[in-house]
């Protein structure tokens, strides 16, 4: 741990490549948490983040429902 440099930025990637993409899932969770924390001070940005996360969740739900289609890509 001592070899790690402090990060100034951390990038989230909420778009899943597969229904079980753990990095995308963790990114969506982080974005939701961040949005809830800033809700009182920046309602517009928090709302935009939550809308983005909801859209990505809908895509994952679609992938699960169309299991045979997304595997072809």
N, C-alpha and C. Protein backbone atom coordinates (compact mmCIF):
# COMPACT_ATOMS: atom_id res chain seq x y z
N UNK A 1 0.82 -1.19 0.00
CA UNK A 1 0.00 0.00 0.00
C UNK A 1 0.86 1.26 0.00
N UNK A 2 2.05 1.20 0.56
CA UNK A 2 2.89 2.39 0.64
C UNK A 2 3.44 2.80 -0.72
N UNK A 3 3.42 1.92 -1.70
CA UNK A 3 3.91 2.26 -3.04
C UNK A 3 2.87 2.99 -3.88
N UNK A 4 1.65 3.05 -3.41
CA UNK A 4 0.59 3.71 -4.17
C UNK A 4 0.68 5.22 -4.01
N UNK A 5 0.49 5.91 -5.10
CA UNK A 5 0.45 7.36 -5.06
C UNK A 5 -1.00 7.79 -4.87
N UNK A 6 -1.20 8.88 -4.12
CA UNK A 6 -2.58 9.35 -3.95
C UNK A 6 -3.19 9.71 -5.31
N UNK A 7 -4.42 9.32 -5.49
CA UNK A 7 -5.11 9.62 -6.74
C UNK A 7 -5.81 10.97 -6.64
N UNK A 8 -5.72 11.72 -7.70
CA UNK A 8 -6.44 12.99 -7.75
C UNK A 8 -7.82 12.78 -8.37
N UNK A 9 -7.92 11.84 -9.28
CA UNK A 9 -9.17 11.54 -9.96
C UNK A 9 -9.37 10.03 -10.00
N UNK A 10 -10.62 9.65 -10.05
CA UNK A 10 -10.97 8.25 -10.16
C UNK A 10 -12.07 8.16 -11.20
N UNK A 11 -11.89 7.35 -12.22
CA UNK A 11 -12.84 7.28 -13.32
C UNK A 11 -13.79 6.10 -13.12
N UNK A 12 -15.07 6.38 -13.27
CA UNK A 12 -16.09 5.32 -13.21
C UNK A 12 -16.53 4.99 -14.63
N UNK A 13 -16.81 3.71 -14.85
CA UNK A 13 -17.29 3.25 -16.15
C UNK A 13 -18.58 2.46 -15.91
N UNK A 14 -19.73 3.15 -15.95
CA UNK A 14 -20.98 2.48 -15.60
C UNK A 14 -21.56 1.57 -16.67
N UNK A 15 -21.04 1.62 -17.90
CA UNK A 15 -21.59 0.80 -19.00
C UNK A 15 -21.06 -0.63 -18.89
N UNK A 16 -21.97 -1.59 -18.81
CA UNK A 16 -21.60 -3.00 -18.71
C UNK A 16 -21.32 -3.59 -20.08
N UNK A 17 -20.29 -4.43 -20.14
CA UNK A 17 -20.03 -5.20 -21.36
C UNK A 17 -20.83 -6.49 -21.33
N UNK A 18 -21.07 -6.99 -20.13
CA UNK A 18 -21.87 -8.19 -19.91
C UNK A 18 -22.76 -7.95 -18.70
N UNK A 19 -23.79 -8.76 -18.50
CA UNK A 19 -24.64 -8.58 -17.32
C UNK A 19 -23.90 -8.75 -15.99
N UNK A 20 -22.75 -9.41 -16.02
CA UNK A 20 -22.00 -9.66 -14.78
C UNK A 20 -20.74 -8.81 -14.66
N UNK A 21 -20.65 -7.71 -15.37
CA UNK A 21 -19.48 -6.82 -15.34
C UNK A 21 -19.37 -6.16 -13.97
N UNK A 22 -18.45 -6.66 -13.14
CA UNK A 22 -18.30 -6.18 -11.76
C UNK A 22 -17.80 -4.74 -11.69
N UNK A 23 -16.91 -4.35 -12.60
CA UNK A 23 -16.39 -2.98 -12.59
C UNK A 23 -17.50 -1.98 -12.89
N UNK A 24 -18.34 -2.28 -13.85
CA UNK A 24 -19.46 -1.39 -14.18
C UNK A 24 -20.45 -1.33 -13.02
N UNK A 25 -20.71 -2.48 -12.40
CA UNK A 25 -21.62 -2.50 -11.25
C UNK A 25 -21.08 -1.62 -10.13
N UNK A 26 -19.80 -1.76 -9.81
CA UNK A 26 -19.18 -0.95 -8.76
C UNK A 26 -19.20 0.53 -9.13
N UNK A 27 -19.00 0.84 -10.40
CA UNK A 27 -19.05 2.23 -10.86
C UNK A 27 -20.44 2.82 -10.65
N UNK A 28 -21.46 2.06 -10.99
CA UNK A 28 -22.84 2.55 -10.79
C UNK A 28 -23.13 2.77 -9.32
N UNK A 29 -22.66 1.87 -8.47
CA UNK A 29 -22.87 2.04 -7.03
C UNK A 29 -22.17 3.30 -6.53
N UNK A 30 -20.95 3.53 -6.99
CA UNK A 30 -20.19 4.72 -6.58
C UNK A 30 -20.89 5.99 -7.05
N UNK A 31 -21.39 5.98 -8.27
CA UNK A 31 -22.08 7.16 -8.80
C UNK A 31 -23.36 7.44 -8.03
N UNK A 32 -24.10 6.40 -7.68
CA UNK A 32 -25.32 6.58 -6.88
C UNK A 32 -25.00 7.18 -5.51
N UNK A 33 -23.98 6.66 -4.88
CA UNK A 33 -23.59 7.16 -3.56
C UNK A 33 -23.16 8.61 -3.65
N UNK A 34 -22.33 8.93 -4.62
CA UNK A 34 -21.88 10.31 -4.82
C UNK A 34 -23.07 11.25 -5.04
N UNK A 35 -24.01 10.82 -5.87
CA UNK A 35 -25.19 11.65 -6.16
C UNK A 35 -26.00 11.90 -4.90
N UNK A 36 -26.17 10.87 -4.06
CA UNK A 36 -26.93 11.07 -2.82
C UNK A 36 -26.23 12.04 -1.88
N UNK A 37 -24.91 11.97 -1.82
CA UNK A 37 -24.15 12.85 -0.93
C UNK A 37 -24.22 14.31 -1.38
N UNK A 38 -24.16 14.57 -2.68
CA UNK A 38 -24.17 15.95 -3.18
C UNK A 38 -25.56 16.49 -3.46
N UNK A 39 -26.58 15.68 -3.26
CA UNK A 39 -27.96 16.05 -3.60
C UNK A 39 -28.35 17.44 -3.07
N UNK A 40 -28.01 17.73 -1.83
CA UNK A 40 -28.41 19.00 -1.22
C UNK A 40 -27.67 20.20 -1.80
N UNK A 41 -26.43 19.99 -2.22
CA UNK A 41 -25.64 21.12 -2.71
C UNK A 41 -25.66 21.28 -4.23
N UNK A 42 -25.94 20.20 -4.95
CA UNK A 42 -25.98 20.28 -6.42
C UNK A 42 -27.04 19.32 -6.95
N UNK A 43 -28.28 19.72 -6.77
CA UNK A 43 -29.42 18.88 -7.12
C UNK A 43 -29.44 18.52 -8.61
N UNK A 44 -29.08 19.46 -9.46
CA UNK A 44 -29.12 19.22 -10.91
C UNK A 44 -28.10 18.15 -11.33
N UNK A 45 -26.87 18.28 -10.86
CA UNK A 45 -25.83 17.31 -11.21
C UNK A 45 -26.15 15.94 -10.61
N UNK A 46 -26.62 15.94 -9.36
CA UNK A 46 -27.00 14.67 -8.72
C UNK A 46 -28.10 13.98 -9.52
N UNK A 47 -29.07 14.74 -9.98
CA UNK A 47 -30.14 14.18 -10.79
C UNK A 47 -29.64 13.61 -12.10
N UNK A 48 -28.70 14.32 -12.72
CA UNK A 48 -28.13 13.83 -13.99
C UNK A 48 -27.37 12.53 -13.77
N UNK A 49 -26.62 12.44 -12.68
CA UNK A 49 -25.89 11.20 -12.38
C UNK A 49 -26.85 10.04 -12.15
N UNK A 50 -27.90 10.30 -11.38
CA UNK A 50 -28.87 9.24 -11.10
C UNK A 50 -29.59 8.78 -12.37
N UNK A 51 -29.91 9.72 -13.25
CA UNK A 51 -30.55 9.36 -14.52
C UNK A 51 -29.61 8.50 -15.36
N UNK A 52 -28.34 8.85 -15.38
CA UNK A 52 -27.34 8.08 -16.13
C UNK A 52 -27.27 6.66 -15.59
N UNK A 53 -27.18 6.54 -14.26
CA UNK A 53 -27.10 5.22 -13.63
C UNK A 53 -28.35 4.40 -13.96
N UNK A 54 -29.52 5.01 -13.87
CA UNK A 54 -30.76 4.29 -14.16
C UNK A 54 -30.78 3.80 -15.61
N UNK A 55 -30.30 4.62 -16.52
CA UNK A 55 -30.23 4.22 -17.93
C UNK A 55 -29.32 2.99 -18.10
N UNK A 56 -28.17 3.02 -17.45
CA UNK A 56 -27.24 1.89 -17.55
C UNK A 56 -27.84 0.63 -16.93
N UNK A 57 -28.58 0.78 -15.84
CA UNK A 57 -29.25 -0.37 -15.22
C UNK A 57 -30.28 -0.97 -16.17
N UNK A 58 -30.99 -0.11 -16.88
CA UNK A 58 -31.98 -0.59 -17.86
C UNK A 58 -31.30 -1.39 -18.97
N UNK A 59 -30.12 -0.95 -19.39
CA UNK A 59 -29.38 -1.70 -20.42
C UNK A 59 -28.98 -3.08 -19.92
N UNK A 60 -28.56 -3.17 -18.66
CA UNK A 60 -28.19 -4.46 -18.09
C UNK A 60 -29.42 -5.36 -18.02
N UNK A 61 -30.55 -4.79 -17.61
CA UNK A 61 -31.80 -5.56 -17.56
C UNK A 61 -32.15 -6.07 -18.95
N UNK A 62 -31.96 -5.23 -19.97
CA UNK A 62 -32.21 -5.65 -21.34
C UNK A 62 -31.29 -6.80 -21.72
N UNK A 63 -29.99 -6.70 -21.36
CA UNK A 63 -29.04 -7.77 -21.67
C UNK A 63 -29.49 -9.09 -21.06
N UNK A 64 -29.94 -9.03 -19.82
CA UNK A 64 -30.37 -10.25 -19.14
C UNK A 64 -31.59 -10.84 -19.84
N UNK A 65 -32.51 -9.99 -20.27
CA UNK A 65 -33.71 -10.46 -20.95
C UNK A 65 -33.47 -10.93 -22.37
N UNK A 66 -32.35 -10.51 -22.96
CA UNK A 66 -32.02 -10.89 -24.33
C UNK A 66 -30.68 -11.61 -24.36
N UNK A 67 -30.56 -12.57 -23.48
CA UNK A 67 -29.31 -13.28 -23.27
C UNK A 67 -28.70 -13.80 -24.57
N UNK A 68 -29.52 -14.30 -25.47
CA UNK A 68 -29.01 -14.87 -26.71
C UNK A 68 -28.50 -13.80 -27.68
N UNK A 69 -29.02 -12.58 -27.59
CA UNK A 69 -28.63 -11.51 -28.52
C UNK A 69 -27.29 -10.89 -28.15
N UNK A 70 -27.10 -10.49 -26.86
CA UNK A 70 -25.88 -9.77 -26.50
C UNK A 70 -24.65 -10.64 -26.61
N UNK A 71 -24.78 -11.96 -26.50
CA UNK A 71 -23.63 -12.85 -26.62
C UNK A 71 -23.08 -12.88 -28.04
N UNK A 72 -23.89 -12.49 -29.02
CA UNK A 72 -23.44 -12.49 -30.41
C UNK A 72 -22.49 -11.34 -30.71
N UNK A 73 -22.48 -10.33 -29.88
CA UNK A 73 -21.66 -9.13 -30.14
C UNK A 73 -20.27 -9.29 -29.63
